Amino acid sequence: RIEPVLILSSRHNAGGIDKAREEGISKRAMAVVQ
């Protein structure tokens, strides 16, 4: 029943941000907090 609704990165340049986009995660479900 788990649904990922937020990918939060501690770096603006994290490679995981691009991977999240590749997996179809929308911009509104991502955030950067440094």
Full PDB file with SEQRES, HELIX, SHEET, SSBOND, CRYST1, ORIGX, SCALE, CONECT and MASTER records, all heavy atoms in Angstrom:
SEQRES   1 A   34  ARG ILE GLU PRO VAL LEU ILE LEU SER SER ARG HIS ASN          
SEQRES   2 A   34  ALA GLY GLY ILE ASP LYS ALA ARG GLU GLU GLY ILE SER          
SEQRES   3 A   34  LYS ARG ALA MET ALA VAL VAL GLN                              
HELIX    1 AA1 GLY A   15  GLU A   22  1                                   8    
HELIX    2 AA2 LYS A   27  ALA A   29  5                                   3    
SHEET    1 AA1 2 ILE A   7  SER A   9  0                                        
SHEET    2 AA1 2 MET A  30  VAL A  32  1                                        
CRYST1    1.000    1.000    1.000  90.00  90.00  90.00 P 1           1          
ORIGX1      1.000000  0.000000  0.000000        0.00000                         
ORIGX2      0.000000  1.000000  0.000000        0.00000                         
ORIGX3      0.000000  0.000000  1.000000        0.00000                         
SCALE1      1.000000  0.000000  0.000000        0.00000                         
SCALE2      0.000000  1.000000  0.000000        0.00000                         
SCALE3      0.000000  0.000000  1.000000        0.00000                         
ATOM      1  N   ARG A   1       0.805  -1.223   0.000  1.00  0.00           N  
ATOM      2  CA  ARG A   1       0.000   0.000   0.000  1.00  0.00           C  
ATOM      3  C   ARG A   1       0.840   1.276   0.000  1.00  0.00           C  
ATOM      4  O   ARG A   1       0.297   2.372   0.061  1.00  0.00           O  
ATOM      5  CB  ARG A   1      -0.925   0.004   1.223  1.00  0.00           C  
ATOM      6  CG  ARG A   1      -1.956  -1.123   1.218  1.00  0.00           C  
ATOM      7  CD  ARG A   1      -2.926  -0.984   2.367  1.00  0.00           C  
ATOM      8  NE  ARG A   1      -2.265  -1.103   3.660  1.00  0.00           N  
ATOM      9  CZ  ARG A   1      -2.301  -0.199   4.627  1.00  0.00           C  
ATOM     10  NH1 ARG A   1      -2.944   0.939   4.447  1.00  0.00           N  
ATOM     11  NH2 ARG A   1      -1.694  -0.410   5.782  1.00  0.00           N  
ATOM     12  N   ILE A   2       2.156   1.135  -0.065  1.00  0.00           N  
ATOM     13  CA  ILE A   2       3.028   2.311  -0.044  1.00  0.00           C  
ATOM     14  C   ILE A   2       2.965   3.043  -1.377  1.00  0.00           C  
ATOM     15  O   ILE A   2       3.083   2.436  -2.445  1.00  0.00           O  
ATOM     16  CB  ILE A   2       4.485   1.909   0.249  1.00  0.00           C  
ATOM     17  CG1 ILE A   2       4.608   1.327   1.653  1.00  0.00           C  
ATOM     18  CG2 ILE A   2       5.427   3.106   0.083  1.00  0.00           C  
ATOM     19  CD1 ILE A   2       4.322   2.297   2.778  1.00  0.00           C  
ATOM     20  N   GLU A   3       2.818   4.361  -1.313  1.00  0.00           N  
ATOM     21  CA  GLU A   3       2.843   5.211  -2.513  1.00  0.00           C  
ATOM     22  C   GLU A   3       3.845   6.344  -2.307  1.00  0.00           C  
ATOM     23  O   GLU A   3       3.633   7.211  -1.451  1.00  0.00           O  
ATOM     24  CB  GLU A   3       1.465   5.798  -2.793  1.00  0.00           C  
ATOM     25  CG  GLU A   3       1.447   6.704  -4.007  1.00  0.00           C  
ATOM     26  CD  GLU A   3       0.078   7.305  -4.274  1.00  0.00           C  
ATOM     27  OE1 GLU A   3      -0.809   7.173  -3.405  1.00  0.00           O  
ATOM     28  OE2 GLU A   3      -0.091   7.911  -5.343  1.00  0.00           O  
ATOM     29  N   PRO A   4       4.948   6.375  -3.057  1.00  0.00           N  
ATOM     30  CA  PRO A   4       5.880   7.496  -2.947  1.00  0.00           C  
ATOM     31  C   PRO A   4       5.238   8.782  -3.484  1.00  0.00           C  
ATOM     32  O   PRO A   4       4.845   8.838  -4.653  1.00  0.00           O  
ATOM     33  CB  PRO A   4       7.065   7.070  -3.816  1.00  0.00           C  
ATOM     34  CG  PRO A   4       6.926   5.579  -3.958  1.00  0.00           C  
ATOM     35  CD  PRO A   4       5.445   5.325  -3.953  1.00  0.00           C  
ATOM     36  N   VAL A   5       5.125   9.787  -2.627  1.00  0.00           N  
ATOM     37  CA  VAL A   5       4.480  11.050  -3.040  1.00  0.00           C  
ATOM     38  C   VAL A   5       5.451  12.222  -2.984  1.00  0.00           C  
ATOM     39  O   VAL A   5       5.109  13.326  -3.400  1.00  0.00           O  
ATOM     40  CB  VAL A   5       3.252  11.360  -2.169  1.00  0.00           C  
ATOM     41  CG1 VAL A   5       2.183  10.297  -2.347  1.00  0.00           C  
ATOM     42  CG2 VAL A   5       3.633  11.514  -0.695  1.00  0.00           C  
ATOM     43  N   LEU A   6       6.670  11.980  -2.483  1.00  0.00           N  
ATOM     44  CA  LEU A   6       7.655  13.059  -2.400  1.00  0.00           C  
ATOM     45  C   LEU A   6       9.062  12.487  -2.537  1.00  0.00           C  
ATOM     46  O   LEU A   6       9.433  11.545  -1.840  1.00  0.00           O  
ATOM     47  CB  LEU A   6       7.537  13.792  -1.055  1.00  0.00           C  
ATOM     48  CG  LEU A   6       8.643  14.804  -0.729  1.00  0.00           C  
ATOM     49  CD1 LEU A   6       8.650  15.948  -1.736  1.00  0.00           C  
ATOM     50  CD2 LEU A   6       8.500  15.339   0.698  1.00  0.00           C  
ATOM     51  N   ILE A   7       9.837  13.065  -3.459  1.00  0.00           N  
ATOM     52  CA  ILE A   7      11.273  12.829  -3.545  1.00  0.00           C  
ATOM     53  C   ILE A   7      11.936  14.134  -3.120  1.00  0.00           C  
ATOM     54  O   ILE A   7      11.787  15.159  -3.795  1.00  0.00           O  
ATOM     55  CB  ILE A   7      11.722  12.458  -4.974  1.00  0.00           C  
ATOM     56  CG1 ILE A   7      10.911  11.273  -5.515  1.00  0.00           C  
ATOM     57  CG2 ILE A   7      13.220  12.169  -4.990  1.00  0.00           C  
ATOM     58  CD1 ILE A   7      11.049   9.998  -4.747  1.00  0.00           C  
ATOM     59  N   LEU A   8      12.629  14.109  -1.990  1.00  0.00           N  
ATOM     60  CA  LEU A   8      13.253  15.324  -1.467  1.00  0.00           C  
ATOM     61  C   LEU A   8      14.764  15.153  -1.466  1.00  0.00           C  
ATOM     62  O   LEU A   8      15.289  14.193  -0.900  1.00  0.00           O  
ATOM     63  CB  LEU A   8      12.746  15.613  -0.054  1.00  0.00           C  
ATOM     64  CG  LEU A   8      13.203  16.937   0.568  1.00  0.00           C  
ATOM     65  CD1 LEU A   8      12.116  17.525   1.469  1.00  0.00           C  
ATOM     66  CD2 LEU A   8      14.512  16.767   1.367  1.00  0.00           C  
ATOM     67  N   SER A   9      15.450  16.083  -2.119  1.00  0.00           N  
ATOM     68  CA  SER A   9      16.902  16.039  -2.218  1.00  0.00           C  
ATOM     69  C   SER A   9      17.528  17.134  -1.358  1.00  0.00           C  
ATOM     70  O   SER A   9      16.997  18.239  -1.258  1.00  0.00           O  
ATOM     71  CB  SER A   9      17.347  16.224  -3.672  1.00  0.00           C  
ATOM     72  OG  SER A   9      18.756  16.319  -3.754  1.00  0.00           O  
ATOM     73  N   SER A  10      18.679  16.810  -0.771  1.00  0.00           N  
ATOM     74  CA  SER A  10      19.415  17.813   0.001  1.00  0.00           C  
ATOM     75  C   SER A  10      20.423  18.577  -0.857  1.00  0.00           C  
ATOM     76  O   SER A  10      21.164  19.408  -0.339  1.00  0.00           O  
ATOM     77  CB  SER A  10      20.149  17.143   1.174  1.00  0.00           C  
ATOM     78  OG  SER A  10      21.180  16.292   0.704  1.00  0.00           O  
ATOM     79  N   ARG A  11      20.431  18.298  -2.166  1.00  0.00           N  
ATOM     80  CA  ARG A  11      21.323  19.015  -3.086  1.00  0.00           C  
ATOM     81  C   ARG A  11      20.587  19.316  -4.391  1.00  0.00           C  
ATOM     82  O   ARG A  11      19.886  18.452  -4.920  1.00  0.00           O  
ATOM     83  CB  ARG A  11      22.570  18.185  -3.402  1.00  0.00           C  
ATOM     84  CG  ARG A  11      23.526  17.987  -2.239  1.00  0.00           C  
ATOM     85  CD  ARG A  11      24.703  17.124  -2.650  1.00  0.00           C  
ATOM     86  NE  ARG A  11      25.601  16.848  -1.534  1.00  0.00           N  
ATOM     87  CZ  ARG A  11      26.563  15.935  -1.554  1.00  0.00           C  
ATOM     88  NH1 ARG A  11      26.734  15.189  -2.645  1.00  0.00           N  
ATOM     89  NH2 ARG A  11      27.338  15.741  -0.493  1.00  0.00           N  
ATOM     90  N   HIS A  12      20.811  20.518  -4.903  1.00  0.00           N  
ATOM     91  CA  HIS A  12      20.192  20.885  -6.177  1.00  0.00           C  
ATOM     92  C   HIS A  12      20.724  20.043  -7.337  1.00  0.00           C  
ATOM     93  O   HIS A  12      20.005  19.803  -8.313  1.00  0.00           O  
ATOM     94  CB  HIS A  12      20.444  22.370  -6.472  1.00  0.00           C  
ATOM     95  CG  HIS A  12      19.485  23.294  -5.806  1.00  0.00           C  
ATOM     96  ND1 HIS A  12      18.157  23.373  -6.153  1.00  0.00           N  
ATOM     97  CD2 HIS A  12      19.665  24.169  -4.789  1.00  0.00           C  
ATOM     98  CE1 HIS A  12      17.547  24.272  -5.403  1.00  0.00           C  
ATOM     99  NE2 HIS A  12      18.429  24.772  -4.551  1.00  0.00           N  
ATOM    100  N   ASN A  13      21.986  19.623  -7.231  1.00  0.00           N  
ATOM    101  CA  ASN A  13      22.626  18.907  -8.346  1.00  0.00           C  
ATOM    102  C   ASN A  13      22.676  17.404  -8.139  1.00  0.00           C  
ATOM    103  O   ASN A  13      23.472  16.705  -8.773  1.00  0.00           O  
ATOM    104  CB  ASN A  13      24.032  19.448  -8.579  1.00  0.00           C  
ATOM    105  CG  ASN A  13      24.945  19.281  -7.356  1.00  0.00           C  
ATOM    106  OD1 ASN A  13      24.474  18.917  -6.277  1.00  0.00           O  
ATOM    107  ND2 ASN A  13      26.234  19.541  -7.526  1.00  0.00           N  
ATOM    108  N   ALA A  14      21.856  16.867  -7.257  1.00  0.00           N  
ATOM    109  CA  ALA A  14      21.863  15.421  -7.015  1.00  0.00           C  
ATOM    110  C   ALA A  14      21.459  14.660  -8.273  1.00  0.00           C  
ATOM    111  O   ALA A  14      20.463  14.995  -8.927  1.00  0.00           O  
ATOM    112  CB  ALA A  14      20.919  15.078  -5.861  1.00  0.00           C  
ATOM    113  N   GLY A  15      22.222  13.633  -8.594  1.00  0.00           N  
ATOM    114  CA  GLY A  15      21.892  12.827  -9.762  1.00  0.00           C  
ATOM    115  C   GLY A  15      20.553  12.130  -9.639  1.00  0.00           C  
ATOM    116  O   GLY A  15      19.905  11.804 -10.644  1.00  0.00           O  
ATOM    117  N   GLY A  16      20.109  11.903  -8.410  1.00  0.00           N  
ATOM    118  CA  GLY A  16      18.829  11.244  -8.201  1.00  0.00           C  
ATOM    119  C   GLY A  16      17.641  12.038  -8.706  1.00  0.00           C  
ATOM    120  O   GLY A  16      16.587  11.462  -9.004  1.00  0.00           O  
ATOM    121  N   ILE A  17      17.793  13.353  -8.830  1.00  0.00           N  
ATOM    122  CA  ILE A  17      16.692  14.174  -9.347  1.00  0.00           C  
ATOM    123  C   ILE A  17      16.376  13.774 -10.784  1.00  0.00           C  
ATOM    124  O   ILE A  17      15.204  13.614 -11.162  1.00  0.00           O  
ATOM    125  CB  ILE A  17      17.044  15.670  -9.243  1.00  0.00           C  
ATOM    126  CG1 ILE A  17      17.156  16.082  -7.773  1.00  0.00           C  
ATOM    127  CG2 ILE A  17      16.001  16.522  -9.965  1.00  0.00           C  
ATOM    128  CD1 ILE A  17      17.641  17.501  -7.559  1.00  0.00           C  
ATOM    129  N   ASP A  18      17.426  13.600 -11.593  1.00  0.00           N  
ATOM    130  CA  ASP A  18      17.207  13.173 -12.985  1.00  0.00           C  
ATOM    131  C   ASP A  18      16.631  11.759 -13.036  1.00  0.00           C  
ATOM    132  O   ASP A  18      15.763  11.464 -13.873  1.00  0.00           O  
ATOM    133  CB  ASP A  18      18.522  13.228 -13.769  1.00  0.00           C  
ATOM    134  CG  ASP A  18      18.986  14.655 -14.031  1.00  0.00           C  
ATOM    135  OD1 ASP A  18      18.127  15.552 -14.059  1.00  0.00           O  
ATOM    136  OD2 ASP A  18      20.207  14.860 -14.188  1.00  0.00           O  
ATOM    137  N   LYS A  19      17.093  10.886 -12.146  1.00  0.00           N  
ATOM    138  CA  LYS A  19      16.554   9.524 -12.128  1.00  0.00           C  
ATOM    139  C   LYS A  19      15.063   9.543 -11.776  1.00  0.00           C  
ATOM    140  O   LYS A  19      14.269   8.772 -12.335  1.00  0.00           O  
ATOM    141  CB  LYS A  19      17.318   8.656 -11.127  1.00  0.00           C  
ATOM    142  CG  LYS A  19      18.723   8.250 -11.565  1.00  0.00           C  
ATOM    143  CD  LYS A  19      19.321   7.277 -10.573  1.00  0.00           C  
ATOM    144  CE  LYS A  19      20.684   6.770 -11.023  1.00  0.00           C  
ATOM    145  NZ  LYS A  19      21.724   7.820 -10.950  1.00  0.00           N  
ATOM    146  N   ALA A  20      14.675  10.403 -10.846  1.00  0.00           N  
ATOM    147  CA  ALA A  20      13.259  10.491 -10.482  1.00  0.00           C  
ATOM    148  C   ALA A  20      12.423  10.925 -11.679  1.00  0.00           C  
ATOM    149  O   ALA A  20      11.331  10.390 -11.918  1.00  0.00           O  
ATOM    150  CB  ALA A  20      13.078  11.458  -9.315  1.00  0.00           C  
ATOM    151  N   ARG A  21      12.923  11.896 -12.423  1.00  0.00           N  
ATOM    152  CA  ARG A  21      12.201  12.345 -13.624  1.00  0.00           C  
ATOM    153  C   ARG A  21      12.097  11.207 -14.635  1.00  0.00           C  
ATOM    154  O   ARG A  21      11.041  11.008 -15.259  1.00  0.00           O  
ATOM    155  CB  ARG A  21      12.924  13.541 -14.255  1.00  0.00           C  
ATOM    156  CG  ARG A  21      12.907  14.810 -13.413  1.00  0.00           C  
ATOM    157  CD  ARG A  21      13.367  16.002 -14.232  1.00  0.00           C  
ATOM    158  NE  ARG A  21      13.474  17.201 -13.437  1.00  0.00           N  
ATOM    159  CZ  ARG A  21      14.628  17.774 -13.074  1.00  0.00           C  
ATOM    160  NH1 ARG A  21      15.776  17.233 -13.458  1.00  0.00           N  
ATOM    161  NH2 ARG A  21      14.627  18.869 -12.355  1.00  0.00           N  
ATOM    162  N   GLU A  22      13.188  10.447 -14.798  1.00  0.00           N  
ATOM    163  CA  GLU A  22      13.177   9.324 -15.737  1.00  0.00           C  
ATOM    164  C   GLU A  22      12.137   8.286 -15.355  1.00  0.00           C  
ATOM    165  O   GLU A  22      11.568   7.610 -16.233  1.00  0.00           O  
ATOM    166  CB  GLU A  22      14.566   8.670 -15.781  1.00  0.00           C  
ATOM    167  CG  GLU A  22      15.647   9.533 -16.411  1.00  0.00           C  
ATOM    168  CD  GLU A  22      17.033   8.969 -16.176  1.00  0.00           C  
ATOM    169  OE1 GLU A  22      17.126   7.842 -15.632  1.00  0.00           O  
ATOM    170  OE2 GLU A  22      18.015   9.646 -16.525  1.00  0.00           O  
ATOM    171  N   GLU A  23      11.875   8.161 -14.051  1.00  0.00           N  
ATOM    172  CA  GLU A  23      10.887   7.190 -13.574  1.00  0.00           C  
ATOM    173  C   GLU A  23       9.473   7.755 -13.558  1.00  0.00           C  
ATOM    174  O   GLU A  23       8.542   7.107 -13.067  1.00  0.00           O  
ATOM    175  CB  GLU A  23      11.266   6.690 -12.179  1.00  0.00           C  
ATOM    176  CG  GLU A  23      12.600   5.957 -12.114  1.00  0.00           C  
ATOM    177  CD  GLU A  23      12.641   4.738 -13.016  1.00  0.00           C  
ATOM    178  OE1 GLU A  23      11.596   4.072 -13.185  1.00  0.00           O  
ATOM    179  OE2 GLU A  23      13.728   4.441 -13.572  1.00  0.00           O  
ATOM    180  N   GLY A  24       9.312   8.957 -14.085  1.00  0.00           N  
ATOM    181  CA  GLY A  24       7.973   9.520 -14.234  1.00  0.00           C  
ATOM    182  C   GLY A  24       7.470  10.331 -13.058  1.00  0.00           C  
ATOM    183  O   GLY A  24       6.279  10.660 -12.998  1.00  0.00           O  
ATOM    184  N   ILE A  25       8.344  10.679 -12.112  1.00  0.00           N  
ATOM    185  CA  ILE A  25       7.928  11.487 -10.975  1.00  0.00           C  
ATOM    186  C   ILE A  25       7.730  12.932 -11.427  1.00  0.00           C  
ATOM    187  O   ILE A  25       8.607  13.520 -12.061  1.00  0.00           O  
ATOM    188  CB  ILE A  25       8.959  11.410  -9.828  1.00  0.00           C  
ATOM    189  CG1 ILE A  25       9.104   9.968  -9.355  1.00  0.00           C  
ATOM    190  CG2 ILE A  25       8.554  12.325  -8.679  1.00  0.00           C  
ATOM    191  CD1 ILE A  25       7.841   9.347  -8.823  1.00  0.00           C  
ATOM    192  N   SER A  26       6.594  13.503 -11.111  1.00  0.00           N  
ATOM    193  CA  SER A  26       6.278  14.858 -11.559  1.00  0.00           C  
ATOM    194  C   SER A  26       7.037  15.899 -10.754  1.00  0.00           C  
ATOM    195  O   SER A  26       7.486  15.642  -9.628  1.00  0.00           O  
ATOM    196  CB  SER A  26       4.777  15.118 -11.432  1.00  0.00           C  
ATOM    197  OG  SER A  26       4.394  15.125 -10.074  1.00  0.00           O  
ATOM    198  N   LYS A  27       7.149  17.090 -11.305  1.00  0.00           N  
ATOM    199  CA  LYS A  27       7.854  18.188 -10.640  1.00  0.00           C  
ATOM    200  C   LYS A  27       7.207  18.515  -9.301  1.00  0.00           C  
ATOM    201  O   LYS A  27       7.891  18.834  -8.332  1.00  0.00           O  
ATOM    202  CB  LYS A  27       7.863  19.418 -11.547  1.00  0.00           C  
ATOM    203  CG  LYS A  27       8.676  20.578 -10.998  1.00  0.00           C  
ATOM    204  CD  LYS A  27       8.720  21.726 -11.997  1.00  0.00           C  
ATOM    205  CE  LYS A  27       9.560  22.879 -11.449  1.00  0.00           C  
ATOM    206  NZ  LYS A  27       9.626  24.006 -12.416  1.00  0.00           N  
ATOM    207  N   ARG A  28       5.885  18.443  -9.226  1.00  0.00           N  
ATOM    208  CA  ARG A  28       5.199  18.787  -7.977  1.00  0.00           C  
ATOM    209  C   ARG A  28       5.450  17.768  -6.869  1.00  0.00           C  
ATOM    210  O   ARG A  28       5.166  18.041  -5.697  1.00  0.00           O  
ATOM    211  CB  ARG A  28       3.696  18.944  -8.219  1.00  0.00           C  
ATOM    212  CG  ARG A  28       2.977  17.671  -8.617  1.00  0.00           C  
ATOM    213  CD  ARG A  28       1.480  17.913  -8.806  1.00  0.00           C  
ATOM    214  NE  ARG A  28       0.786  16.720  -9.230  1.00  0.00           N  
ATOM    215  CZ  ARG A  28       0.651  16.325 -10.480  1.00  0.00           C  
ATOM    216  NH1 ARG A  28       1.178  17.077 -11.457  1.00  0.00           N  
ATOM    217  NH2 ARG A  28       0.002  15.224 -10.788  1.00  0.00           N  
ATOM    218  N   ALA A  29       5.965  16.586  -7.230  1.00  0.00           N  
ATOM    219  CA  ALA A  29       6.268  15.563  -6.227  1.00  0.00           C  
ATOM    220  C   ALA A  29       7.742  15.562  -5.844  1.00  0.00           C  
ATOM    221  O   ALA A  29       8.204  14.647  -5.158  1.00  0.00           O  
ATOM    222  CB  ALA A  29       5.868  14.182  -6.739  1.00  0.00           C  
ATOM    223  N   MET A  30       8.486  16.614  -6.259  1.00  0.00           N  
ATOM    224  CA  MET A  30       9.905  16.714  -5.936  1.00  0.00           C  
ATOM    225  C   MET A  30      10.186  18.036  -5.246  1.00  0.00           C  
ATOM    226  O   MET A  30       9.501  19.035  -5.482  1.00  0.00           O  
ATOM    227  CB  MET A  30      10.760  16.569  -7.196  1.00  0.00           C  
ATOM    228  CG  MET A  30      10.718  15.172  -7.805  1.00  0.00           C  
ATOM    229  SD  MET A  30      11.963  14.912  -9.099  1.00  0.00           S  
ATOM    230  CE  MET A  30      11.201  15.782 -10.462  1.00  0.00           C  
ATOM    231  N   ALA A  31      11.202  18.025  -4.390  1.00  0.00           N  
ATOM    232  CA  ALA A  31      11.599  19.238  -3.679  1.00  0.00           C  
ATOM    233  C   ALA A  31      13.083  19.157  -3.364  1.00  0.00           C  
ATOM    234  O   ALA A  31      13.654  18.071  -3.262  1.00  0.00           O  
ATOM    235  CB  ALA A  31      10.794  19.397  -2.397  1.00  0.00           C  
ATOM    236  N   VAL A  32      13.705  20.324  -3.230  1.00  0.00           N  
ATOM    237  CA  VAL A  32      15.103  20.421  -2.816  1.00  0.00           C  
ATOM    238  C   VAL A  32      15.156  21.286  -1.563  1.00  0.00           C  
ATOM    239  O   VAL A  32      14.659  22.406  -1.550  1.00  0.00           O  
ATOM    240  CB  VAL A  32      15.983  21.039  -3.919  1.00  0.00           C  
ATOM    241  CG1 VAL A  32      17.412  21.223  -3.408  1.00  0.00           C  
ATOM    242  CG2 VAL A  32      15.970  20.167  -5.168  1.00  0.00           C  
ATOM    243  N   VAL A  33      15.751  20.741  -0.505  1.00  0.00           N  
ATOM    244  CA  VAL A  33      15.935  21.489   0.743  1.00  0.00           C  
ATOM    245  C   VAL A  33      17.392  21.322   1.154  1.00  0.00           C  
ATOM    246  O   VAL A  33      17.802  20.242   1.573  1.00  0.00           O  
ATOM    247  CB  VAL A  33      14.997  20.980   1.863  1.00  0.00           C  
ATOM    248  CG1 VAL A  33      15.228  21.778   3.145  1.00  0.00           C  
ATOM    249  CG2 VAL A  33      13.538  21.073   1.436  1.00  0.00           C  
ATOM    250  N   GLN A  34      18.180  22.381   0.993  1.00  0.00           N  
ATOM    251  CA  GLN A  34      19.606  22.326   1.275  1.00  0.00           C  
ATOM    252  C   GLN A  34      19.902  22.896   2.664  1.00  0.00           C  
ATOM    253  O   GLN A  34      19.501  24.024   2.974  1.00  0.00           O  
ATOM    254  CB  GLN A  34      20.393  23.115   0.229  1.00  0.00           C  
ATOM    255  CG  GLN A  34      20.228  22.576  -1.189  1.00  0.00           C  
ATOM    256  CD  GLN A  34      21.172  23.276  -2.149  1.00  0.00           C  
ATOM    257  OE1 GLN A  34      21.999  22.631  -2.789  1.00  0.00           O  
ATOM    258  NE2 GLN A  34      21.068  24.585  -2.264  1.00  0.00           N  
TER     259      GLN A  34                                                      
MASTER        0    0    0    2    2    0    0    6  258    1    0    3          
END                                                                             
